[in-house]
Structure formats: structure tokens, C-alpha cells
Amino acid sequence: MSTLKIALQKFINSITNKNLIEIQPVITVELQVELSFTTFCQVSYTNEEGNYCIREFTGKAWSKKLSLTQEREVQFSVFVNNHLLLKEQTMVMTKLVDDKIVRQQKIQLDATSTYSGWHKLK
């Protein structure tokens, strides 16, 4: 039997033999942003592979669900644009793990600056 046929047979056996298949548990991490006004924002977070991603959105809310196979820290920060210099505006950043809140932070936004900088969930 050729080397290719042996390798193919081993692969087929590994799929069909349930004892060899290991199912990884999935940890669901959800990142949420809620604003008291409609604006343009950028969100920075680490994805399932641990790479940094930046996403833009316009509106009052944003969320992202990540499925992790092992527990690790997920970085999360938001850059808010308050171009109308609205006063008394807030942002709530939330991180949920398996539908349970593990971190939540309410931030009062600065009304004296168009861009208040990156806010990191601590």
C-alpha cells in the first residue's frame, strides 16, 4: 500500500472513530457598547485568534460575539466622536462571558473635545 493510501486511511479512521475526536468546549465572549446619543465610533478588540481588529460603526449601540476554545483575556476599547460637543453624554462598555457580565464600565464623555480618545474597559 502506498504512503498516500496509508495516510488517507489514517485520516478516515480518525474521523470515523469517535474515541479519537475531541470536542473543545466553547466559551462565548460578547462585547457591547451603548451610547446615550447617535455618533460615529471605532471599536478595537482581540478576535478569536488573538489578533487586534478595529471596526467602525455609526449609531447608539454595537456588539460582537466571539467563540473561544480556551479561556484568555480579550482586549476591548472604544474611540468616540462627539463632533457636536454634546454635554452630559455617556457610554457603557460591557463584557459578558457565557451570558454573564464580567466587566461593565459607565463613562461620562468629555463635552469640551470632539474626540475623547480611546476608552479601555478596565
Protein backbone atom coordinates (compact mmCIF):
# COMPACT_ATOMS: atom_id res chain seq x y z
CA MET A 1 0.00 0.00 0.00
CA SER A 2 1.35 3.42 -0.91
CA THR A 3 2.19 6.12 1.62
CA LEU A 4 -0.67 8.29 0.34
CA LYS A 5 -3.20 5.47 0.79
CA ILE A 6 -1.95 4.80 4.33
CA ALA A 7 -2.22 8.49 5.25
CA LEU A 8 -5.71 8.69 3.75
CA GLN A 9 -6.81 5.57 5.65
CA LYS A 10 -5.48 7.02 8.94
CA PHE A 11 -7.36 10.25 8.28
CA ILE A 12 -10.62 8.38 7.58
CA ASN A 13 -10.14 6.26 10.70
CA SER A 14 -9.57 9.36 12.83
CA ILE A 15 -12.84 10.88 11.61
CA THR A 16 -14.96 7.78 11.99
CA ASN A 17 -13.53 6.62 15.33
CA LYS A 18 -15.43 8.64 17.95
CA ASN A 19 -12.84 7.89 20.62
CA LEU A 20 -10.25 9.91 18.74
CA ILE A 21 -12.38 13.01 18.21
CA GLU A 22 -12.00 15.54 21.00
CA ILE A 23 -14.66 18.20 21.28
CA GLN A 24 -13.32 21.52 22.53
CA PRO A 25 -15.58 23.47 24.89
CA VAL A 26 -16.67 26.82 23.51
CA ILE A 27 -16.53 29.97 25.62
CA THR A 28 -18.75 32.77 24.32
CA VAL A 29 -17.48 36.31 24.92
CA GLU A 30 -19.74 39.20 23.96
CA LEU A 31 -18.52 42.81 23.77
CA GLN A 32 -21.10 45.60 23.91
CA VAL A 33 -21.11 49.38 23.58
CA GLU A 34 -24.16 51.52 24.40
CA LEU A 35 -24.19 55.28 23.92
CA SER A 36 -26.66 57.91 25.07
CA PHE A 37 -26.55 59.58 21.63
CA THR A 38 -26.03 58.63 17.98
CA THR A 39 -22.46 59.09 16.81
CA PHE A 40 -19.52 57.59 14.92
CA CYS A 41 -17.20 55.25 16.85
CA GLN A 42 -14.31 52.88 16.40
CA VAL A 43 -14.03 49.68 18.42
CA SER A 44 -10.78 47.82 18.99
CA TYR A 45 -10.75 44.24 20.28
CA THR A 46 -8.79 41.00 20.06
CA ASN A 47 -10.56 38.36 17.98
CA GLU A 48 -10.71 34.56 18.33
CA GLU A 49 -7.12 34.19 17.07
CA GLY A 50 -5.79 36.91 19.40
CA ASN A 51 -5.32 39.45 16.58
CA TYR A 52 -6.29 43.09 17.04
CA CYS A 53 -9.30 44.24 14.99
CA ILE A 54 -10.73 47.71 14.56
CA ARG A 55 -14.35 48.12 13.47
CA GLU A 56 -16.26 51.32 12.78
CA PHE A 57 -19.94 51.91 13.46
CA THR A 58 -22.47 54.69 13.47
CA GLY A 59 -25.36 54.59 15.90
CA LYS A 60 -26.11 54.16 19.59
CA ALA A 61 -25.08 50.52 20.09
CA TRP A 62 -22.61 47.89 18.89
CA SER A 63 -21.96 44.29 19.89
CA LYS A 64 -19.72 41.41 18.85
CA LYS A 65 -19.81 37.75 19.91
CA LEU A 66 -16.58 35.76 19.96
CA SER A 67 -16.33 31.97 20.33
CA LEU A 68 -13.14 30.90 22.10
CA THR A 69 -11.90 27.33 22.60
CA GLN A 70 -9.76 28.29 25.59
CA GLU A 71 -10.03 30.96 28.23
CA ARG A 72 -7.95 34.09 27.59
CA GLU A 73 -8.15 37.84 28.06
CA VAL A 74 -9.98 39.74 25.30
CA GLN A 75 -8.85 43.37 24.92
CA PHE A 76 -11.64 45.89 24.29
CA SER A 77 -11.59 49.67 23.77
CA VAL A 78 -13.75 52.33 22.08
CA PHE A 79 -12.95 55.64 20.39
CA VAL A 80 -15.95 58.03 20.49
CA ASN A 81 -16.63 61.02 18.25
CA ASN A 82 -18.66 63.78 19.93
CA HIS A 83 -18.47 66.18 16.98
CA LEU A 84 -21.45 68.25 18.19
CA LEU A 85 -19.86 68.66 21.65
CA LEU A 86 -23.00 67.38 23.34
CA LYS A 87 -22.97 67.70 27.13
CA GLU A 88 -23.73 65.01 29.70
CA GLN A 89 -23.39 62.10 27.27
CA THR A 90 -22.42 58.64 28.48
CA MET A 91 -21.11 55.37 27.15
CA VAL A 92 -21.46 51.95 28.76
CA MET A 93 -18.94 49.25 27.84
CA THR A 94 -19.79 45.67 28.81
CA LYS A 95 -18.03 42.31 28.52
CA LEU A 96 -20.08 39.14 29.00
CA VAL A 97 -18.69 35.61 29.27
CA ASP A 98 -21.23 32.86 28.67
CA ASP A 99 -24.05 35.44 29.07
CA LYS A 100 -22.80 36.67 32.47
CA ILE A 101 -21.47 40.19 32.95
CA VAL A 102 -17.82 40.03 34.00
CA ARG A 103 -16.97 43.71 33.45
CA GLN A 104 -19.03 46.82 32.92
CA GLN A 105 -17.97 50.42 32.92
CA LYS A 106 -20.01 53.63 32.54
CA ILE A 107 -18.01 56.55 31.16
CA GLN A 108 -19.02 60.22 31.21
CA LEU A 109 -17.85 61.70 27.89
CA ASP A 110 -15.98 64.99 27.71
CA ALA A 111 -18.07 67.75 26.08
CA THR A 112 -15.09 70.08 25.53
CA SER A 113 -13.39 67.91 22.91
CA THR A 114 -14.61 66.46 19.64
CA TYR A 115 -12.63 63.26 20.21
CA SER A 116 -12.35 61.98 23.74
CA GLY A 117 -9.72 59.36 22.90
CA TRP A 118 -9.66 55.60 23.37
CA HIS A 119 -11.60 54.31 26.37
CA LYS A 120 -10.40 50.90 27.52
CA LEU A 121 -12.60 48.55 29.50
CA LYS A 122 -10.75 48.03 32.76
